[in-house]
Amino acid sequence: MSPNEGPKTLRNVAERAGVSVATVSRVLSGSYPVTRHTRQRVLRAVEELDYVANSHARALRGQATESVAFVVNDVRGPSFALVAHGAEEEAARRGRLCLICTTQGHAERELAVVRTMRAQRAGAVILVGGVMDDERYRRRLAEVARSLEASGSRLVLCGRPPIGDGVPATVIEYDNEAGAHAAVSHLLARGHRRIVFVGADPLGTTTATARLAGYRRALHEHGGDADERLVIESDFERDTAHDRIVGSIRGGLAFTAVFAVTDSAAAGALTALNDCGLRVPEDVSLVGYDDVAPATDLRPRLTTVHVPYEELGRAAVRLPLGLREGTISAADQHLVLGTHLVVRESTAPPPPPARS
């Protein structure tokens, strides 16, 4: 569907398939038997026209409470939970329902959720978290944004970068790279030069890529050691980071500090260092990212980058609904929130070199 076309109707589908409106309705509702050939023609027309049934048209107008949809890979992550809390809080304040949907990281499931929410006439569809930012993703999301716009909804990218000029989407970001730059600059200022980054993502998701870029920029600016062996591939999870750090130590990698891609990864790194007989921060300093549990639960308490996750969630609801209500302009639909370093007890100057 082109951006200049409105949402398609049952009549459009019937005309494309060469059948009656009643037949289309029967196929979509499954309430009456039709031939296999007819069913295939109708479903092909539905796909070609990008048609979705308007469930609100089957209800009395004004009787339903408008919703916003919060779409995330997995709600178990503490950062996602905080964003969800902020979104739900703002939606409730505005008298909207907040529907939380999970995708388990599957692009096709994400697309299916978006289509369902478009059918429900959700006021906004909020996609949360880092992604692989390639041309295919941008093209697909641009189509989704235009489709939602045509149906009176709005795509919101929360914690994701913009997908191009002219795409009708609200973007709520935080300064991801700057947070990593601040974390590594803090370690460099304390005298560290060999700093491990644990969490490099071989798939190149936007969150890990930006944090790695901040790490490298700080090393370049302040004279740190840019040895690529210090960049360790890992996901964001505790157990993986633990195994990667243990493997690096046993492999003879020398370092005096670790910058972990998330606080969960930092927790795994802390356990790994302790398992290898190294103390934090006396032997190795440690910094995380996110400022969520377990940052203040660890001992020592973790120096980390604070991300305003709840405000991200609130803004992801406030901006698109404000646009629809006329209280926030289209020019104000891209917001970048700041991050800052929280210094606690897990960093110190490096130990003096051992005497020969």
Protein backbone atom coordinates (compact mmCIF):
# COMPACT_ATOMS: atom_id res chain seq x y z
CA MET A 1 0.00 0.00 0.00
CA SER A 2 1.46 3.34 -0.98
CA PRO A 3 1.72 6.09 1.64
CA ASN A 4 -0.94 8.15 -0.17
CA GLU A 5 -3.60 5.44 0.00
CA GLY A 6 -6.01 4.94 2.88
CA PRO A 7 -6.72 1.65 4.59
CA LYS A 8 -8.29 -0.99 2.34
CA THR A 9 -11.84 -2.23 2.78
CA LEU A 10 -13.66 -5.51 2.32
CA ARG A 11 -14.98 -4.16 -0.99
CA ASN A 12 -11.43 -3.56 -2.26
CA VAL A 13 -10.51 -7.14 -1.39
CA ALA A 14 -13.67 -8.48 -3.05
CA GLU A 15 -12.94 -6.56 -6.25
CA ARG A 16 -9.34 -7.80 -6.35
CA ALA A 17 -10.40 -11.42 -5.76
CA GLY A 18 -13.41 -11.27 -8.11
CA VAL A 19 -15.89 -12.37 -5.46
CA SER A 20 -18.66 -10.79 -3.39
CA VAL A 21 -18.10 -8.85 -0.16
CA ALA A 22 -20.07 -11.55 1.65
CA THR A 23 -17.65 -14.21 0.40
CA VAL A 24 -14.65 -12.22 1.65
CA SER A 25 -16.31 -11.88 5.04
CA ARG A 26 -16.97 -15.63 5.17
CA VAL A 27 -13.34 -16.45 4.34
CA LEU A 28 -11.95 -14.09 6.96
CA SER A 29 -14.36 -15.10 9.70
CA GLY A 30 -14.30 -18.83 8.92
CA SER A 31 -18.03 -18.86 9.62
CA TYR A 32 -19.14 -20.47 6.36
CA PRO A 33 -17.52 -23.05 4.08
CA VAL A 34 -16.03 -21.87 0.76
CA THR A 35 -14.07 -23.73 -1.88
CA ARG A 36 -10.34 -24.02 -1.56
CA HIS A 37 -9.82 -22.10 -4.81
CA THR A 38 -12.00 -19.20 -3.64
CA ARG A 39 -10.29 -19.10 -0.27
CA GLN A 40 -6.86 -18.91 -1.92
CA ARG A 41 -8.00 -16.05 -4.20
CA VAL A 42 -9.33 -14.08 -1.25
CA LEU A 43 -6.24 -14.61 0.91
CA ARG A 44 -3.98 -13.65 -2.00
CA ALA A 45 -5.95 -10.42 -2.44
CA VAL A 46 -5.70 -9.74 1.30
CA GLU A 47 -1.92 -10.09 1.14
CA GLU A 48 -1.53 -8.01 -2.03
CA LEU A 49 -3.63 -5.15 -0.61
CA ASP A 50 -2.10 -5.40 2.88
CA TYR A 51 -5.65 -5.55 4.25
CA VAL A 52 -6.41 -5.95 7.92
CA ALA A 53 -9.87 -6.34 9.39
CA ASN A 54 -10.95 -3.40 11.52
CA SER A 55 -12.17 -5.03 14.70
CA HIS A 56 -13.36 -1.67 16.05
CA ALA A 57 -15.78 -1.39 13.14
CA ARG A 58 -17.55 -4.39 14.63
CA ALA A 59 -17.96 -2.65 17.96
CA LEU A 60 -19.98 0.39 18.97
CA ARG A 61 -17.93 3.51 18.41
CA GLY A 62 -16.73 5.08 21.62
CA GLN A 63 -17.24 1.93 23.65
CA ALA A 64 -13.66 0.66 23.45
CA THR A 65 -10.67 2.11 25.29
CA GLU A 66 -7.88 3.03 22.91
CA SER A 67 -4.67 1.14 23.48
CA VAL A 68 -0.97 1.51 22.90
CA ALA A 69 1.11 -1.56 22.11
CA PHE A 70 4.51 -2.15 23.69
CA VAL A 71 6.48 -4.69 21.64
CA VAL A 72 9.67 -6.16 23.09
CA ASN A 73 11.85 -9.24 22.57
CA ASP A 74 11.62 -10.46 26.17
CA VAL A 75 10.05 -8.81 29.22
CA ARG A 76 12.42 -10.54 31.66
CA GLY A 77 15.28 -8.09 31.08
CA PRO A 78 15.35 -5.45 33.84
CA SER A 79 15.89 -2.57 31.38
CA PHE A 80 12.91 -3.66 29.27
CA ALA A 81 10.81 -3.97 32.43
CA LEU A 82 11.61 -0.36 33.37
CA VAL A 83 10.72 0.93 29.90
CA ALA A 84 7.47 -1.05 30.05
CA HIS A 85 6.67 0.41 33.48
CA GLY A 86 7.18 3.95 32.19
CA ALA A 87 5.01 3.29 29.12
CA GLU A 88 2.24 1.71 31.18
CA GLU A 89 2.32 4.56 33.68
CA GLU A 90 1.98 7.22 30.97
CA ALA A 91 -0.72 5.25 29.13
CA ALA A 92 -2.76 4.89 32.33
CA ARG A 93 -2.40 8.62 33.03
CA ARG A 94 -3.92 9.29 29.61
CA GLY A 95 -6.72 6.76 30.04
CA ARG A 96 -5.23 4.26 27.57
CA LEU A 97 -4.60 0.56 27.88
CA CYS A 98 -0.99 -0.59 27.46
CA LEU A 99 -0.70 -3.99 25.78
CA ILE A 100 2.67 -5.73 26.17
CA CYS A 101 3.65 -8.14 23.39
CA THR A 102 6.79 -10.26 23.10
CA THR A 103 8.53 -11.40 19.92
CA GLN A 104 11.42 -13.57 21.20
CA GLY A 105 13.59 -11.70 18.72
CA HIS A 106 11.75 -12.98 15.61
CA ALA A 107 11.26 -10.33 12.90
CA GLU A 108 8.21 -12.09 11.43
CA ARG A 109 6.52 -12.29 14.83
CA GLU A 110 7.20 -8.58 15.33
CA LEU A 111 5.54 -7.86 11.99
CA ALA A 112 2.55 -10.03 12.90
CA VAL A 113 2.13 -8.16 16.19
CA VAL A 114 2.25 -4.82 14.37
CA ARG A 115 -0.44 -5.96 11.94
CA THR A 116 -2.65 -7.13 14.79
CA MET A 117 -2.26 -3.84 16.60
CA ARG A 118 -3.04 -1.94 13.42
CA ALA A 119 -6.26 -3.95 13.12
CA GLN A 120 -7.09 -2.97 16.71
CA ARG A 121 -6.48 0.71 15.86
CA ALA A 122 -3.84 1.06 18.56
CA GLY A 123 -2.93 4.69 19.11
CA ALA A 124 0.77 3.83 18.93
CA VAL A 125 2.88 0.72 18.34
CA ILE A 126 6.15 0.93 20.30
CA LEU A 127 9.05 -1.27 19.20
CA VAL A 128 11.70 -1.51 21.91
CA GLY A 129 15.36 -2.53 21.95
CA GLY A 130 18.36 -2.87 19.67
CA VAL A 131 18.17 -4.45 16.23
CA MET A 132 20.34 -5.32 13.24
CA ASP A 133 20.18 -2.00 11.40
CA ASP A 134 20.56 -2.99 7.76
CA GLU A 135 18.85 -1.96 4.53
CA ARG A 136 16.30 -4.78 4.69
CA TYR A 137 15.28 -3.76 8.24
CA ARG A 138 14.95 -0.10 7.26
CA ARG A 139 12.86 -0.90 4.21
CA ARG A 140 10.56 -3.20 6.16
CA LEU A 141 10.09 -0.73 9.02
CA ALA A 142 9.44 2.14 6.61
CA GLU A 143 6.59 0.12 5.09
CA VAL A 144 5.26 -0.66 8.57
CA ALA A 145 5.40 3.02 9.56
CA ARG A 146 3.48 4.13 6.48
CA SER A 147 0.92 1.37 6.92
CA LEU A 148 0.29 2.39 10.54
CA GLU A 149 0.08 6.06 9.56
CA ALA A 150 -2.53 5.26 6.92
CA SER A 151 -4.66 3.47 9.52
CA GLY A 152 -4.46 6.32 12.04
CA SER A 153 -1.79 4.77 14.25
CA ARG A 154 1.87 5.66 14.80
CA LEU A 155 5.08 3.65 14.82
CA VAL A 156 7.42 4.43 17.73
CA LEU A 157 11.05 3.30 17.77
CA CYS A 158 12.23 3.23 21.39
CA GLY A 159 15.94 2.68 21.98
CA ARG A 160 16.40 2.29 18.22
CA PRO A 161 17.89 4.70 15.68
CA PRO A 162 15.81 6.51 13.02
CA ILE A 163 15.11 4.61 9.81
CA GLY A 164 15.31 7.47 7.31
CA ASP A 165 14.01 10.90 6.38
CA GLY A 166 10.36 11.18 5.48
CA VAL A 167 9.31 8.04 7.38
CA PRO A 168 6.32 8.76 9.69
CA ALA A 169 7.76 7.37 12.91
CA THR A 170 8.45 8.71 16.38
CA VAL A 171 11.99 8.01 17.63
CA ILE A 172 12.96 7.93 21.32
CA GLU A 173 16.68 7.31 21.79
CA TYR A 174 19.29 7.68 24.50
CA ASP A 175 22.90 8.71 23.94
CA ASN A 176 24.24 5.18 23.89
CA GLU A 177 27.71 5.84 22.50
CA ALA A 178 28.31 8.80 24.83
CA GLY A 179 27.55 6.62 27.85
CA ALA A 180 30.18 4.08 26.81
CA HIS A 181 32.65 6.87 26.08
CA ALA A 182 32.14 8.26 29.60
CA ALA A 183 32.60 4.82 31.19
CA VAL A 184 35.88 4.08 29.42
CA SER A 185 37.14 7.65 29.88
CA HIS A 186 36.63 7.19 33.62
CA LEU A 187 38.80 4.07 33.60
CA LEU A 188 41.47 5.79 31.50
CA ALA A 189 41.48 8.76 33.88
CA ARG A 190 42.16 6.37 36.76
CA GLY A 191 45.25 5.12 34.95
CA HIS A 192 44.03 2.01 33.13
CA ARG A 193 45.32 1.37 29.62
CA ARG A 194 44.43 -2.26 28.90
CA ILE A 195 40.65 -2.33 29.17
CA VAL A 196 38.57 -5.29 28.08
CA PHE A 197 35.24 -4.72 26.35
CA VAL A 198 33.02 -7.77 26.88
CA GLY A 199 29.87 -7.78 24.78
CA ALA A 200 30.92 -7.26 21.17
CA ASP A 201 28.04 -8.60 19.08
CA PRO A 202 29.08 -10.44 15.91
CA LEU A 203 25.60 -9.79 14.48
CA GLY A 204 26.05 -6.04 14.83
CA THR A 205 22.94 -5.06 16.81
CA THR A 206 22.59 -1.32 17.35
CA THR A 207 22.92 -1.36 21.14
CA ALA A 208 26.20 -3.30 21.26
CA THR A 209 27.62 -1.52 18.21
CA ALA A 210 27.11 1.94 19.72
CA ARG A 211 28.66 0.90 23.05
CA LEU A 212 31.67 -0.59 21.28
CA ALA A 213 32.03 2.63 19.26
CA GLY A 214 32.09 4.68 22.48
CA TYR A 215 34.73 2.34 23.93
CA ARG A 216 36.95 2.70 20.87
CA ARG A 217 36.52 6.48 20.67
CA ALA A 218 37.60 6.90 24.29
CA LEU A 219 40.68 4.72 23.75
CA HIS A 220 41.61 6.73 20.65
CA GLU A 221 41.18 10.09 22.38
CA HIS A 222 42.96 9.21 25.64
CA GLY A 223 45.75 6.88 24.54
CA GLY A 224 44.38 3.54 25.68
CA ASP A 225 45.57 0.24 24.25
CA ALA A 226 43.54 -0.57 21.11
CA ASP A 227 44.59 -4.23 21.07
CA GLU A 228 41.69 -6.01 19.35
CA ARG A 229 42.22 -9.04 21.59
CA LEU A 230 40.69 -6.91 24.34
CA VAL A 231 37.36 -6.81 22.45
CA ILE A 232 35.56 -10.01 23.46
CA GLU A 233 32.46 -11.33 21.71
CA SER A 234 29.55 -12.08 24.02
CA ASP A 235 25.82 -11.61 24.34
CA PHE A 236 24.34 -9.45 27.10
CA GLU A 237 23.88 -12.29 29.57
CA ARG A 238 25.66 -13.12 32.82
CA ASP A 239 26.70 -16.70 32.10
CA THR A 240 28.14 -15.96 28.66
CA ALA A 241 30.20 -13.04 29.94
CA HIS A 242 31.48 -15.21 32.80
CA ASP A 243 32.69 -17.90 30.40
CA ARG A 244 34.31 -15.40 28.03
CA ILE A 245 36.26 -13.67 30.81
CA VAL A 246 37.42 -16.95 32.34
CA GLY A 247 38.55 -18.14 28.92
CA SER A 248 40.46 -14.91 28.28
CA ILE A 249 42.26 -15.05 31.62
CA ARG A 250 43.21 -18.69 31.16
CA GLY A 251 44.38 -17.83 27.65
CA GLY A 252 46.88 -15.35 29.08
CA LEU A 253 45.16 -12.07 28.17
CA ALA A 254 46.53 -9.25 30.33
CA PHE A 255 44.22 -6.39 31.41
CA THR A 256 43.50 -4.21 34.43
CA ALA A 257 39.88 -3.21 33.77
CA VAL A 258 36.68 -4.55 32.22
CA PHE A 259 33.90 -2.56 30.59
CA ALA A 260 30.83 -4.79 30.22
CA VAL A 261 28.09 -4.15 27.68
CA THR A 262 25.35 -4.51 30.35
CA ASP A 263 25.11 -4.78 34.11
CA SER A 264 24.15 -8.44 33.72
CA ALA A 265 27.33 -9.05 31.74
CA ALA A 266 29.25 -7.14 34.42
CA ALA A 267 27.83 -9.49 37.07
CA GLY A 268 29.13 -12.44 35.07
CA ALA A 269 32.52 -10.75 34.69
CA LEU A 270 32.72 -10.14 38.46
CA THR A 271 32.07 -13.81 39.22
CA ALA A 272 34.64 -14.83 36.60
CA LEU A 273 37.30 -12.55 38.08
CA ASN A 274 36.62 -13.88 41.57
CA ASP A 275 36.74 -17.47 40.30
CA CYS A 276 40.18 -16.74 38.86
CA GLY A 277 41.45 -15.29 42.14
CA LEU A 278 41.24 -11.61 41.12
CA ARG A 279 39.71 -8.96 43.34
CA VAL A 280 37.51 -6.04 42.22
CA PRO A 281 38.64 -3.28 42.28
CA GLU A 282 42.03 -4.03 43.87
CA ASP A 283 43.27 -6.16 40.95
CA VAL A 284 40.80 -5.37 38.17
CA SER A 285 38.32 -2.49 37.88
CA LEU A 286 34.84 -3.15 36.50
CA VAL A 287 32.21 -0.93 34.86
CA GLY A 288 28.76 -1.91 33.56
CA TYR A 289 26.01 -0.25 31.57
CA ASP A 290 22.29 0.35 32.31
CA ASP A 291 22.20 1.07 36.09
CA VAL A 292 19.64 -1.64 36.77
CA ALA A 293 19.68 -4.65 39.04
CA PRO A 294 22.20 -6.14 39.75
CA ALA A 295 24.24 -2.89 39.75
CA THR A 296 23.51 -2.03 43.40
CA ASP A 297 23.16 -5.65 44.52
CA LEU A 298 26.74 -6.64 43.66
CA ARG A 299 29.60 -6.37 46.13
CA PRO A 300 31.38 -4.15 45.45
CA ARG A 301 28.55 -2.00 44.13
CA LEU A 302 28.94 -1.47 40.41
CA THR A 303 30.10 1.69 38.66
CA THR A 304 27.82 1.89 35.64
CA VAL A 305 26.14 4.09 33.04
CA HIS A 306 22.66 5.25 34.01
CA VAL A 307 20.02 5.10 31.28
CA PRO A 308 16.65 6.82 31.98
CA TYR A 309 14.64 3.78 30.96
CA GLU A 310 11.35 4.75 32.62
CA GLU A 311 11.44 8.16 30.92
CA LEU A 312 12.08 6.41 27.60
CA GLY A 313 8.84 4.49 28.13
CA ARG A 314 6.88 7.56 29.16
CA ALA A 315 8.13 9.55 26.17
CA ALA A 316 7.33 6.66 23.82
CA VAL A 317 3.66 7.11 24.76
CA ARG A 318 3.60 10.88 25.32
CA LEU A 319 5.06 11.98 21.99
CA PRO A 320 2.89 10.03 19.52
CA LEU A 321 -0.33 10.62 21.47
CA GLY A 322 0.60 14.29 21.79
CA LEU A 323 1.00 14.43 18.02
CA ARG A 324 -2.49 12.99 17.52
CA GLU A 325 -3.95 15.39 20.08
CA GLY A 326 -2.20 18.39 18.52
CA THR A 327 -0.18 19.24 21.66
CA ILE A 328 3.21 18.09 20.30
CA SER A 329 4.35 18.93 16.77
CA ALA A 330 5.65 16.60 14.10
CA ALA A 331 9.00 18.37 14.36
CA ASP A 332 9.31 17.21 17.99
CA GLN A 333 8.93 13.48 17.32
CA HIS A 334 12.64 12.65 17.70
CA LEU A 335 13.96 12.76 21.25
CA VAL A 336 17.45 11.85 22.47
CA LEU A 337 17.78 11.44 26.24
CA GLY A 338 21.11 11.79 28.03
CA THR A 339 23.05 9.14 29.94
CA HIS A 340 25.52 9.64 32.76
CA LEU A 341 28.11 7.66 34.67
CA VAL A 342 27.33 6.60 38.25
CA VAL A 343 30.61 6.03 40.10
CA ARG A 344 30.39 3.46 42.89
CA GLU A 345 32.92 1.06 44.39
CA SER A 346 34.04 -1.22 41.55
CA THR A 347 36.73 1.04 40.08
CA ALA A 348 40.15 2.09 41.39
CA PRO A 349 43.60 2.87 39.96
CA PRO A 350 45.37 -0.18 38.51
CA PRO A 351 47.68 -2.11 40.81
CA PRO A 352 51.39 -1.24 40.58
CA PRO A 353 53.41 -3.43 38.21
CA ALA A 354 54.82 -6.55 39.82
CA ARG A 355 58.54 -6.30 40.61
CA SER A 356 60.76 -8.74 38.80
